[in-house]
Amino acid sequence: MISFKGAHFPKPVIMLAVYFYVRFGVSYRDLEEIMAERGVTADHATLNRWVVRYSPEVARIAQKRKAKTAVSWRMDETYVNVRGEWVYLFRAIDREGQTLDFMLSEKRDTKAAKAFFANALSHNGIPNRITIDKSRSNAAGIKEINKIFKRLMIPVTIDTVRSKYLNNMIEQDHRFIKRLTRPMLGFKSFASAAATLAGIEVAHVIRKCQLGPRTCGFCQFAELAE
């Protein structure tokens, strides 16, 4: 359960505002107007605080509740603008297109790739294979994970498949994320970007029905706070 202690608005109102922002890609000024049309007076700075505060917690719970995924993964990175600089959003889906994990990183190197894979493994189990493009850092990250398995005497080796064709699926999946971040015109801080992207990924998970049949997107989003 997510704590809303100290909040000056009811939980349903806060969750509706956060959901609108991460699902429909509006600006905070537009969201302020949308909420005013519904009788809620909250300025754009308050709305921003809600998104940054609650999106990561919703994402954490969604990760635990999403349906089990396949053991063949597709992994790739896309770019996000933060303070006028490009940072890297590591993402992974399975062969069915279901979201596995994501991580925002200021660097695109072996250390970042290793951290991403370690996080994805802890949330989704060990895959048989991971398909990547020609990125050397991603291949090195998987190699480092396999070394850890060997050191811990875990009888598992993750196969690495390099295929631009097979990775088209995740490149297409990036489009949903990019479509929502484009109207936001970049992020002012790395923390704000990471939090907002967490909420956007949850909205994408709901859209893919990974939390069960989708009858009401907002209802499923709000249930994650209960």
Foldseek 3Di string as FASTA:
>chain_A
DADPPPPPDDLLLLLVLLLCQLQPQAELQVSQVVVVVVVDHDHSVRNLCSLLPCLVLLLVLCLQQFAAAAQEKEKDWDWAFEQNDTWIKIFMHHLVLAGQDIDIGRDDALVVLLVRVVVSCVSHNHHQEYEYAPDPSNVSSLVVVQVVCVVVVNPHHYHYHHDPVSNVSVVVVCVQVCVSCVNHVGHHDPSSVRSSSSNNVSLVNVVVQRNHDRPDSSVVSSVSND
